[in-house]
Full PDB file with SEQRES, HELIX, SHEET, SSBOND, CRYST1, ORIGX, SCALE, CONECT and MASTER records, all heavy atoms in Angstrom:
SEQRES   1 A   33  GLU ALA GLU ALA ALA TRP LYS GLU TRP LEU LYS GLU SER          
SEQRES   2 A   33  LYS TYR ASP PRO MET THR ILE PRO ASP LEU LEU GLN GLY          
SEQRES   3 A   33  LYS GLU PRO GLY GLN GLN HIS                                  
HELIX    1 AA1 ALA A    2  LEU A   10  1                                   9    
CRYST1    1.000    1.000    1.000  90.00  90.00  90.00 P 1           1          
ORIGX1      1.000000  0.000000  0.000000        0.00000                         
ORIGX2      0.000000  1.000000  0.000000        0.00000                         
ORIGX3      0.000000  0.000000  1.000000        0.00000                         
SCALE1      1.000000  0.000000  0.000000        0.00000                         
SCALE2      0.000000  1.000000  0.000000        0.00000                         
SCALE3      0.000000  0.000000  1.000000        0.00000                         
ATOM      1  N   GLU A   1      22.773 -11.947  19.020  1.00  0.00           N  
ATOM      2  CA  GLU A   1      24.238 -12.075  18.952  1.00  0.00           C  
ATOM      3  C   GLU A   1      24.727 -11.791  17.575  1.00  0.00           C  
ATOM      4  O   GLU A   1      25.768 -11.033  17.355  1.00  0.00           O  
ATOM      5  CB  GLU A   1      24.729 -13.522  19.479  1.00  0.00           C  
ATOM      6  CG  GLU A   1      24.441 -13.822  20.863  1.00  0.00           C  
ATOM      7  CD  GLU A   1      22.938 -14.103  21.163  1.00  0.00           C  
ATOM      8  OE1 GLU A   1      22.201 -14.347  20.213  1.00  0.00           O  
ATOM      9  OE2 GLU A   1      22.623 -14.253  22.349  1.00  0.00           O  
ATOM     10  N   ALA A   2      24.176 -12.365  16.633  1.00  0.00           N  
ATOM     11  CA  ALA A   2      24.553 -12.118  15.186  1.00  0.00           C  
ATOM     12  C   ALA A   2      24.326 -10.643  14.861  1.00  0.00           C  
ATOM     13  O   ALA A   2      25.117 -10.023  14.120  1.00  0.00           O  
ATOM     14  CB  ALA A   2      23.845 -12.967  14.311  1.00  0.00           C  
ATOM     15  N   GLU A   3      23.168 -10.091  15.284  1.00  0.00           N  
ATOM     16  CA  GLU A   3      22.973  -8.685  14.996  1.00  0.00           C  
ATOM     17  C   GLU A   3      23.946  -7.770  15.673  1.00  0.00           C  
ATOM     18  O   GLU A   3      24.448  -6.789  14.936  1.00  0.00           O  
ATOM     19  CB  GLU A   3      21.534  -8.264  15.487  1.00  0.00           C  
ATOM     20  CG  GLU A   3      21.089  -6.862  14.997  1.00  0.00           C  
ATOM     21  CD  GLU A   3      19.626  -6.588  15.422  1.00  0.00           C  
ATOM     22  OE1 GLU A   3      19.025  -7.394  16.231  1.00  0.00           O  
ATOM     23  OE2 GLU A   3      19.113  -5.683  14.831  1.00  0.00           O  
ATOM     24  N   ALA A   4      24.308  -8.129  16.888  1.00  0.00           N  
ATOM     25  CA  ALA A   4      25.399  -7.288  17.477  1.00  0.00           C  
ATOM     26  C   ALA A   4      26.718  -7.293  16.791  1.00  0.00           C  
ATOM     27  O   ALA A   4      27.431  -6.405  16.641  1.00  0.00           O  
ATOM     28  CB  ALA A   4      25.587  -7.775  18.961  1.00  0.00           C  
ATOM     29  N   ALA A   5      27.076  -8.572  16.280  1.00  0.00           N  
ATOM     30  CA  ALA A   5      28.324  -8.696  15.530  1.00  0.00           C  
ATOM     31  C   ALA A   5      28.309  -7.881  14.256  1.00  0.00           C  
ATOM     32  O   ALA A   5      29.232  -7.250  13.841  1.00  0.00           O  
ATOM     33  CB  ALA A   5      28.587 -10.147  15.175  1.00  0.00           C  
ATOM     34  N   TRP A   6      27.125  -7.840  13.535  1.00  0.00           N  
ATOM     35  CA  TRP A   6      26.972  -7.040  12.385  1.00  0.00           C  
ATOM     36  C   TRP A   6      27.064  -5.594  12.605  1.00  0.00           C  
ATOM     37  O   TRP A   6      27.757  -4.869  11.960  1.00  0.00           O  
ATOM     38  CB  TRP A   6      25.636  -7.381  11.700  1.00  0.00           C  
ATOM     39  CG  TRP A   6      25.179  -6.500  10.612  1.00  0.00           C  
ATOM     40  CD1 TRP A   6      25.746  -6.307   9.420  1.00  0.00           C  
ATOM     41  CD2 TRP A   6      24.028  -5.651  10.632  1.00  0.00           C  
ATOM     42  NE1 TRP A   6      25.179  -5.363   8.736  1.00  0.00           N  
ATOM     43  CE2 TRP A   6      24.009  -4.947   9.410  1.00  0.00           C  
ATOM     44  CE3 TRP A   6      23.037  -5.384  11.526  1.00  0.00           C  
ATOM     45  CZ2 TRP A   6      23.051  -4.002   9.063  1.00  0.00           C  
ATOM     46  CZ3 TRP A   6      21.951  -4.488  11.212  1.00  0.00           C  
ATOM     47  CH2 TRP A   6      22.080  -3.809   9.974  1.00  0.00           C  
ATOM     48  N   LYS A   7      26.502  -5.155  13.704  1.00  0.00           N  
ATOM     49  CA  LYS A   7      26.505  -3.723  13.988  1.00  0.00           C  
ATOM     50  C   LYS A   7      28.011  -3.325  14.447  1.00  0.00           C  
ATOM     51  O   LYS A   7      28.419  -2.203  14.122  1.00  0.00           O  
ATOM     52  CB  LYS A   7      25.609  -3.394  15.143  1.00  0.00           C  
ATOM     53  CG  LYS A   7      24.140  -3.424  14.696  1.00  0.00           C  
ATOM     54  CD  LYS A   7      23.126  -3.127  15.918  1.00  0.00           C  
ATOM     55  CE  LYS A   7      21.702  -3.103  15.417  1.00  0.00           C  
ATOM     56  NZ  LYS A   7      20.781  -2.874  16.547  1.00  0.00           N  
ATOM     57  N   GLU A   8      28.666  -4.175  15.021  1.00  0.00           N  
ATOM     58  CA  GLU A   8      30.019  -3.931  15.335  1.00  0.00           C  
ATOM     59  C   GLU A   8      30.916  -3.784  14.085  1.00  0.00           C  
ATOM     60  O   GLU A   8      31.747  -2.957  13.921  1.00  0.00           O  
ATOM     61  CB  GLU A   8      30.634  -5.070  16.229  1.00  0.00           C  
ATOM     62  CG  GLU A   8      32.154  -4.895  16.722  1.00  0.00           C  
ATOM     63  CD  GLU A   8      32.315  -3.619  17.572  1.00  0.00           C  
ATOM     64  OE1 GLU A   8      31.301  -3.211  18.284  1.00  0.00           O  
ATOM     65  OE2 GLU A   8      33.473  -3.099  17.679  1.00  0.00           O  
ATOM     66  N   TRP A   9      30.582  -4.737  13.110  1.00  0.00           N  
ATOM     67  CA  TRP A   9      31.316  -4.767  11.855  1.00  0.00           C  
ATOM     68  C   TRP A   9      31.023  -3.403  11.124  1.00  0.00           C  
ATOM     69  O   TRP A   9      31.906  -2.934  10.423  1.00  0.00           O  
ATOM     70  CB  TRP A   9      30.803  -5.900  11.057  1.00  0.00           C  
ATOM     71  CG  TRP A   9      31.399  -5.925   9.596  1.00  0.00           C  
ATOM     72  CD1 TRP A   9      32.739  -6.345   9.219  1.00  0.00           C  
ATOM     73  CD2 TRP A   9      30.757  -5.458   8.400  1.00  0.00           C  
ATOM     74  NE1 TRP A   9      32.876  -6.180   7.886  1.00  0.00           N  
ATOM     75  CE2 TRP A   9      31.664  -5.683   7.412  1.00  0.00           C  
ATOM     76  CE3 TRP A   9      29.537  -4.973   8.164  1.00  0.00           C  
ATOM     77  CZ2 TRP A   9      31.446  -5.361   6.004  1.00  0.00           C  
ATOM     78  CZ3 TRP A   9      29.232  -4.621   6.821  1.00  0.00           C  
ATOM     79  CH2 TRP A   9      30.158  -4.844   5.809  1.00  0.00           C  
ATOM     80  N   LEU A  10      29.866  -2.912  11.181  1.00  0.00           N  
ATOM     81  CA  LEU A  10      29.444  -1.708  10.468  1.00  0.00           C  
ATOM     82  C   LEU A  10      30.265  -0.536  10.838  1.00  0.00           C  
ATOM     83  O   LEU A  10      30.396   0.455  10.060  1.00  0.00           O  
ATOM     84  CB  LEU A  10      28.002  -1.424  10.723  1.00  0.00           C  
ATOM     85  CG  LEU A  10      26.919  -2.242  10.016  1.00  0.00           C  
ATOM     86  CD1 LEU A  10      25.526  -1.859  10.380  1.00  0.00           C  
ATOM     87  CD2 LEU A  10      27.046  -2.025   8.453  1.00  0.00           C  
ATOM     88  N   LYS A  11      30.959  -0.510  12.006  1.00  0.00           N  
ATOM     89  CA  LYS A  11      31.778   0.669  12.398  1.00  0.00           C  
ATOM     90  C   LYS A  11      32.892   0.871  11.407  1.00  0.00           C  
ATOM     91  O   LYS A  11      33.320   2.048  11.199  1.00  0.00           O  
ATOM     92  CB  LYS A  11      32.253   0.351  13.793  1.00  0.00           C  
ATOM     93  CG  LYS A  11      31.203   0.344  14.866  1.00  0.00           C  
ATOM     94  CD  LYS A  11      31.856   0.113  16.246  1.00  0.00           C  
ATOM     95  CE  LYS A  11      30.781   0.091  17.374  1.00  0.00           C  
ATOM     96  NZ  LYS A  11      31.280  -0.313  18.682  1.00  0.00           N  
ATOM     97  N   GLU A  12      33.415  -0.157  10.812  1.00  0.00           N  
ATOM     98  CA  GLU A  12      34.443  -0.001   9.851  1.00  0.00           C  
ATOM     99  C   GLU A  12      34.042  -0.492   8.421  1.00  0.00           C  
ATOM    100  O   GLU A  12      34.707  -0.106   7.439  1.00  0.00           O  
ATOM    101  CB  GLU A  12      35.746  -0.666  10.257  1.00  0.00           C  
ATOM    102  CG  GLU A  12      36.404  -0.131  11.494  1.00  0.00           C  
ATOM    103  CD  GLU A  12      37.708  -0.682  11.849  1.00  0.00           C  
ATOM    104  OE1 GLU A  12      38.181  -1.564  11.101  1.00  0.00           O  
ATOM    105  OE2 GLU A  12      38.262  -0.345  12.896  1.00  0.00           O  
ATOM    106  N   SER A  13      33.137  -1.416   8.451  1.00  0.00           N  
ATOM    107  CA  SER A  13      32.627  -2.055   7.151  1.00  0.00           C  
ATOM    108  C   SER A  13      33.787  -2.546   6.361  1.00  0.00           C  
ATOM    109  O   SER A  13      33.721  -2.433   5.091  1.00  0.00           O  
ATOM    110  CB  SER A  13      31.710  -1.082   6.445  1.00  0.00           C  
ATOM    111  OG  SER A  13      30.673  -0.638   7.101  1.00  0.00           O  
ATOM    112  N   LYS A  14      34.712  -3.249   6.926  1.00  0.00           N  
ATOM    113  CA  LYS A  14      35.782  -3.760   6.234  1.00  0.00           C  
ATOM    114  C   LYS A  14      35.588  -5.253   5.902  1.00  0.00           C  
ATOM    115  O   LYS A  14      35.370  -6.045   6.845  1.00  0.00           O  
ATOM    116  CB  LYS A  14      37.135  -3.716   7.125  1.00  0.00           C  
ATOM    117  CG  LYS A  14      38.397  -4.261   6.370  1.00  0.00           C  
ATOM    118  CD  LYS A  14      39.599  -4.067   7.200  1.00  0.00           C  
ATOM    119  CE  LYS A  14      40.839  -4.643   6.521  1.00  0.00           C  
ATOM    120  NZ  LYS A  14      42.045  -4.600   7.393  1.00  0.00           N  
ATOM    121  N   TYR A  15      35.517  -5.496   4.611  1.00  0.00           N  
ATOM    122  CA  TYR A  15      35.216  -6.847   4.237  1.00  0.00           C  
ATOM    123  C   TYR A  15      36.388  -7.739   4.039  1.00  0.00           C  
ATOM    124  O   TYR A  15      37.222  -7.388   3.161  1.00  0.00           O  
ATOM    125  CB  TYR A  15      34.348  -6.932   2.923  1.00  0.00           C  
ATOM    126  CG  TYR A  15      33.958  -8.242   2.517  1.00  0.00           C  
ATOM    127  CD1 TYR A  15      33.170  -9.078   3.361  1.00  0.00           C  
ATOM    128  CD2 TYR A  15      34.422  -8.873   1.400  1.00  0.00           C  
ATOM    129  CE1 TYR A  15      32.746 -10.390   3.022  1.00  0.00           C  
ATOM    130  CE2 TYR A  15      34.092 -10.152   1.018  1.00  0.00           C  
ATOM    131  CZ  TYR A  15      33.293 -10.844   1.869  1.00  0.00           C  
ATOM    132  OH  TYR A  15      32.973 -12.186   1.489  1.00  0.00           O  
ATOM    133  N   ASP A  16      36.620  -8.757   4.682  1.00  0.00           N  
ATOM    134  CA  ASP A  16      37.817  -9.663   4.649  1.00  0.00           C  
ATOM    135  C   ASP A  16      37.219 -11.048   4.468  1.00  0.00           C  
ATOM    136  O   ASP A  16      36.745 -11.741   5.453  1.00  0.00           O  
ATOM    137  CB  ASP A  16      38.655  -9.589   5.876  1.00  0.00           C  
ATOM    138  CG  ASP A  16      39.939 -10.373   5.768  1.00  0.00           C  
ATOM    139  OD1 ASP A  16      39.990 -11.231   4.880  1.00  0.00           O  
ATOM    140  OD2 ASP A  16      40.821 -10.283   6.642  1.00  0.00           O  
ATOM    141  N   PRO A  17      37.346 -11.714   3.269  1.00  0.00           N  
ATOM    142  CA  PRO A  17      36.800 -13.045   3.128  1.00  0.00           C  
ATOM    143  C   PRO A  17      37.500 -14.172   3.760  1.00  0.00           C  
ATOM    144  O   PRO A  17      37.066 -15.248   3.907  1.00  0.00           O  
ATOM    145  CB  PRO A  17      36.858 -13.166   1.580  1.00  0.00           C  
ATOM    146  CG  PRO A  17      38.075 -12.314   1.192  1.00  0.00           C  
ATOM    147  CD  PRO A  17      37.952 -11.148   2.107  1.00  0.00           C  
ATOM    148  N   MET A  18      38.688 -13.788   4.382  1.00  0.00           N  
ATOM    149  CA  MET A  18      39.476 -14.832   5.085  1.00  0.00           C  
ATOM    150  C   MET A  18      38.974 -15.035   6.562  1.00  0.00           C  
ATOM    151  O   MET A  18      38.869 -16.086   7.086  1.00  0.00           O  
ATOM    152  CB  MET A  18      40.904 -14.518   5.109  1.00  0.00           C  
ATOM    153  CG  MET A  18      41.786 -15.525   5.766  1.00  0.00           C  
ATOM    154  SD  MET A  18      41.708 -17.217   5.029  1.00  0.00           S  
ATOM    155  CE  MET A  18      42.754 -18.078   6.120  1.00  0.00           C  
ATOM    156  N   THR A  19      38.815 -13.886   7.232  1.00  0.00           N  
ATOM    157  CA  THR A  19      38.475 -13.995   8.644  1.00  0.00           C  
ATOM    158  C   THR A  19      37.726 -12.746   9.086  1.00  0.00           C  
ATOM    159  O   THR A  19      37.799 -11.696   8.623  1.00  0.00           O  
ATOM    160  CB  THR A  19      39.746 -14.158   9.494  1.00  0.00           C  
ATOM    161  OG1 THR A  19      39.393 -14.159  10.869  1.00  0.00           O  
ATOM    162  CG2 THR A  19      40.706 -13.020   9.265  1.00  0.00           C  
ATOM    163  N   ILE A  20      36.934 -12.924  10.123  1.00  0.00           N  
ATOM    164  CA  ILE A  20      36.149 -11.764  10.706  1.00  0.00           C  
ATOM    165  C   ILE A  20      36.826 -11.654  12.129  1.00  0.00           C  
ATOM    166  O   ILE A  20      36.437 -12.237  13.009  1.00  0.00           O  
ATOM    167  CB  ILE A  20      34.726 -12.035  10.833  1.00  0.00           C  
ATOM    168  CG1 ILE A  20      34.170 -12.263   9.450  1.00  0.00           C  
ATOM    169  CG2 ILE A  20      33.945 -10.848  11.511  1.00  0.00           C  
ATOM    170  CD1 ILE A  20      34.311 -11.180   8.476  1.00  0.00           C  
ATOM    171  N   PRO A  21      37.789 -10.751  12.232  1.00  0.00           N  
ATOM    172  CA  PRO A  21      38.535 -10.623  13.572  1.00  0.00           C  
ATOM    173  C   PRO A  21      37.610 -10.219  14.659  1.00  0.00           C  
ATOM    174  O   PRO A  21      36.761  -9.420  14.495  1.00  0.00           O  
ATOM    175  CB  PRO A  21      39.608  -9.517  13.223  1.00  0.00           C  
ATOM    176  CG  PRO A  21      39.636  -9.363  11.704  1.00  0.00           C  
ATOM    177  CD  PRO A  21      38.321  -9.795  11.254  1.00  0.00           C  
ATOM    178  N   ASP A  22      37.854 -10.841  15.837  1.00  0.00           N  
ATOM    179  CA  ASP A  22      37.190 -10.394  17.115  1.00  0.00           C  
ATOM    180  C   ASP A  22      35.731 -10.686  17.129  1.00  0.00           C  
ATOM    181  O   ASP A  22      35.136 -10.530  18.201  1.00  0.00           O  
ATOM    182  CB  ASP A  22      37.436  -8.984  17.381  1.00  0.00           C  
ATOM    183  CG  ASP A  22      38.971  -8.547  17.494  1.00  0.00           C  
ATOM    184  OD1 ASP A  22      39.765  -9.405  17.915  1.00  0.00           O  
ATOM    185  OD2 ASP A  22      39.213  -7.453  16.947  1.00  0.00           O  
ATOM    186  N   LEU A  23      35.070 -11.085  16.080  1.00  0.00           N  
ATOM    187  CA  LEU A  23      33.622 -11.376  16.151  1.00  0.00           C  
ATOM    188  C   LEU A  23      33.251 -12.729  16.344  1.00  0.00           C  
ATOM    189  O   LEU A  23      32.167 -13.163  16.594  1.00  0.00           O  
ATOM    190  CB  LEU A  23      32.969 -10.810  14.807  1.00  0.00           C  
ATOM    191  CG  LEU A  23      33.221  -9.249  14.556  1.00  0.00           C  
ATOM    192  CD1 LEU A  23      32.561  -8.993  13.254  1.00  0.00           C  
ATOM    193  CD2 LEU A  23      32.636  -8.491  15.732  1.00  0.00           C  
ATOM    194  N   LEU A  24      34.268 -13.663  16.090  1.00  0.00           N  
ATOM    195  CA  LEU A  24      33.967 -15.115  16.263  1.00  0.00           C  
ATOM    196  C   LEU A  24      34.878 -15.730  17.289  1.00  0.00           C  
ATOM    197  O   LEU A  24      35.363 -16.840  17.219  1.00  0.00           O  
ATOM    198  CB  LEU A  24      34.283 -15.863  14.912  1.00  0.00           C  
ATOM    199  CG  LEU A  24      33.494 -15.360  13.667  1.00  0.00           C  
ATOM    200  CD1 LEU A  24      33.874 -16.146  12.462  1.00  0.00           C  
ATOM    201  CD2 LEU A  24      31.958 -15.437  13.927  1.00  0.00           C  
ATOM    202  N   GLN A  25      35.000 -14.929  18.360  1.00  0.00           N  
ATOM    203  CA  GLN A  25      35.824 -15.426  19.526  1.00  0.00           C  
ATOM    204  C   GLN A  25      35.211 -16.649  20.221  1.00  0.00           C  
ATOM    205  O   GLN A  25      34.039 -16.828  20.175  1.00  0.00           O  
ATOM    206  CB  GLN A  25      35.933 -14.288  20.540  1.00  0.00           C  
ATOM    207  CG  GLN A  25      36.510 -12.978  19.948  1.00  0.00           C  
ATOM    208  CD  GLN A  25      37.771 -12.569  20.563  1.00  0.00           C  
ATOM    209  OE1 GLN A  25      38.098 -13.031  21.611  1.00  0.00           O  
ATOM    210  NE2 GLN A  25      38.558 -11.802  19.864  1.00  0.00           N  
ATOM    211  N   GLY A  26      36.099 -17.520  20.736  1.00  0.00           N  
ATOM    212  CA  GLY A  26      35.735 -18.658  21.471  1.00  0.00           C  
ATOM    213  C   GLY A  26      35.550 -19.904  20.594  1.00  0.00           C  
ATOM    214  O   GLY A  26      35.218 -20.969  21.116  1.00  0.00           O  
ATOM    215  N   LYS A  27      35.863 -19.771  19.322  1.00  0.00           N  
ATOM    216  CA  LYS A  27      35.761 -20.927  18.505  1.00  0.00           C  
ATOM    217  C   LYS A  27      37.085 -21.735  18.590  1.00  0.00           C  
ATOM    218  O   LYS A  27      38.058 -21.117  18.950  1.00  0.00           O  
ATOM    219  CB  LYS A  27      35.486 -20.459  16.959  1.00  0.00           C  
ATOM    220  CG  LYS A  27      34.204 -19.819  16.709  1.00  0.00           C  
ATOM    221  CD  LYS A  27      33.908 -19.732  15.343  1.00  0.00           C  
ATOM    222  CE  LYS A  27      32.665 -20.509  15.048  1.00  0.00           C  
ATOM    223  NZ  LYS A  27      32.348 -20.492  13.638  1.00  0.00           N  
ATOM    224  N   GLU A  28      37.106 -22.943  18.213  1.00  0.00           N  
ATOM    225  CA  GLU A  28      38.280 -23.753  18.238  1.00  0.00           C  
ATOM    226  C   GLU A  28      39.248 -23.271  17.218  1.00  0.00           C  
ATOM    227  O   GLU A  28      38.917 -22.698  16.230  1.00  0.00           O  
ATOM    228  CB  GLU A  28      37.984 -25.225  17.922  1.00  0.00           C  
ATOM    229  CG  GLU A  28      37.087 -25.835  18.968  1.00  0.00           C  
ATOM    230  CD  GLU A  28      36.919 -27.333  18.747  1.00  0.00           C  
ATOM    231  OE1 GLU A  28      37.624 -27.898  17.839  1.00  0.00           O  
ATOM    232  OE2 GLU A  28      36.130 -27.918  19.302  1.00  0.00           O  
ATOM    233  N   PRO A  29      40.592 -23.519  17.471  1.00  0.00           N  
ATOM    234  CA  PRO A  29      41.561 -23.107  16.519  1.00  0.00           C  
ATOM    235  C   PRO A  29      41.260 -23.716  15.115  1.00  0.00           C  
ATOM    236  O   PRO A  29      40.809 -24.846  14.970  1.00  0.00           O  
ATOM    237  CB  PRO A  29      42.931 -23.692  16.930  1.00  0.00           C  
ATOM    238  CG  PRO A  29      42.630 -23.790  18.547  1.00  0.00           C  
ATOM    239  CD  PRO A  29      41.205 -24.146  18.624  1.00  0.00           C  
ATOM    240  N   GLY A  30      41.405 -22.853  14.067  1.00  0.00           N  
ATOM    241  CA  GLY A  30      41.118 -23.355  12.750  1.00  0.00           C  
ATOM    242  C   GLY A  30      39.632 -23.045  12.354  1.00  0.00           C  
ATOM    243  O   GLY A  30      39.264 -23.378  11.236  1.00  0.00           O  
ATOM    244  N   GLN A  31      38.852 -22.608  13.290  1.00  0.00           N  
ATOM    245  CA  GLN A  31      37.437 -22.270  12.941  1.00  0.00           C  
ATOM    246  C   GLN A  31      37.181 -20.806  13.005  1.00  0.00           C  
ATOM    247  O   GLN A  31      35.979 -20.476  12.916  1.00  0.00           O  
ATOM    248  CB  GLN A  31      36.478 -22.967  13.922  1.00  0.00           C  
ATOM    249  CG  GLN A  31      36.372 -24.414  13.625  1.00  0.00           C  
ATOM    250  CD  GLN A  31      35.001 -24.966  13.938  1.00  0.00           C  
ATOM    251  OE1 GLN A  31      34.589 -24.971  15.085  1.00  0.00           O  
ATOM    252  NE2 GLN A  31      34.237 -25.272  12.910  1.00  0.00           N  
ATOM    253  N   GLN A  32      38.108 -19.984  13.007  1.00  0.00           N  
ATOM    254  CA  GLN A  32      37.903 -18.558  13.050  1.00  0.00           C  
ATOM    255  C   GLN A  32      37.682 -18.068  11.664  1.00  0.00           C  
ATOM    256  O   GLN A  32      37.311 -16.881  11.512  1.00  0.00           O  
ATOM    257  CB  GLN A  32      39.180 -17.798  13.705  1.00  0.00           C  
ATOM    258  CG  GLN A  32      40.399 -17.787  12.842  1.00  0.00           C  
ATOM    259  CD  GLN A  32      41.248 -19.044  12.946  1.00  0.00           C  
ATOM    260  OE1 GLN A  32      40.729 -20.115  13.390  1.00  0.00           O  
ATOM    261  NE2 GLN A  32      42.515 -19.047  12.533  1.00  0.00           N  
ATOM    262  N   HIS A  33      37.898 -18.831  10.649  1.00  0.00           N  
ATOM    263  CA  HIS A  33      37.723 -18.361   9.265  1.00  0.00           C  
ATOM    264  C   HIS A  33      36.265 -18.095   8.993  1.00  0.00           C  
ATOM    265  O   HIS A  33      35.312 -18.636   9.543  1.00  0.00           O  
ATOM    266  CB  HIS A  33      38.216 -19.452   8.305  1.00  0.00           C  
ATOM    267  CG  HIS A  33      39.658 -19.748   8.476  1.00  0.00           C  
ATOM    268  ND1 HIS A  33      40.684 -18.795   8.445  1.00  0.00           N  
ATOM    269  CD2 HIS A  33      40.300 -20.956   8.733  1.00  0.00           C  
ATOM    270  CE1 HIS A  33      41.789 -19.373   8.698  1.00  0.00           C  
ATOM    271  NE2 HIS A  33      41.664 -20.630   8.883  1.00  0.00           N  
TER     272      HIS A  33                                                      
MASTER        0    0    0    1    0    0    0    6  271    1    0    3          
END                                                                             
């Protein structure tokens, strides 16, 4: 699962220290950071 998220991120390789959009879905509000 973590490897798949990394490979998805590699498509744009955009680093955002605040949040990783769409890769941490399903977490409680406030835990998407």
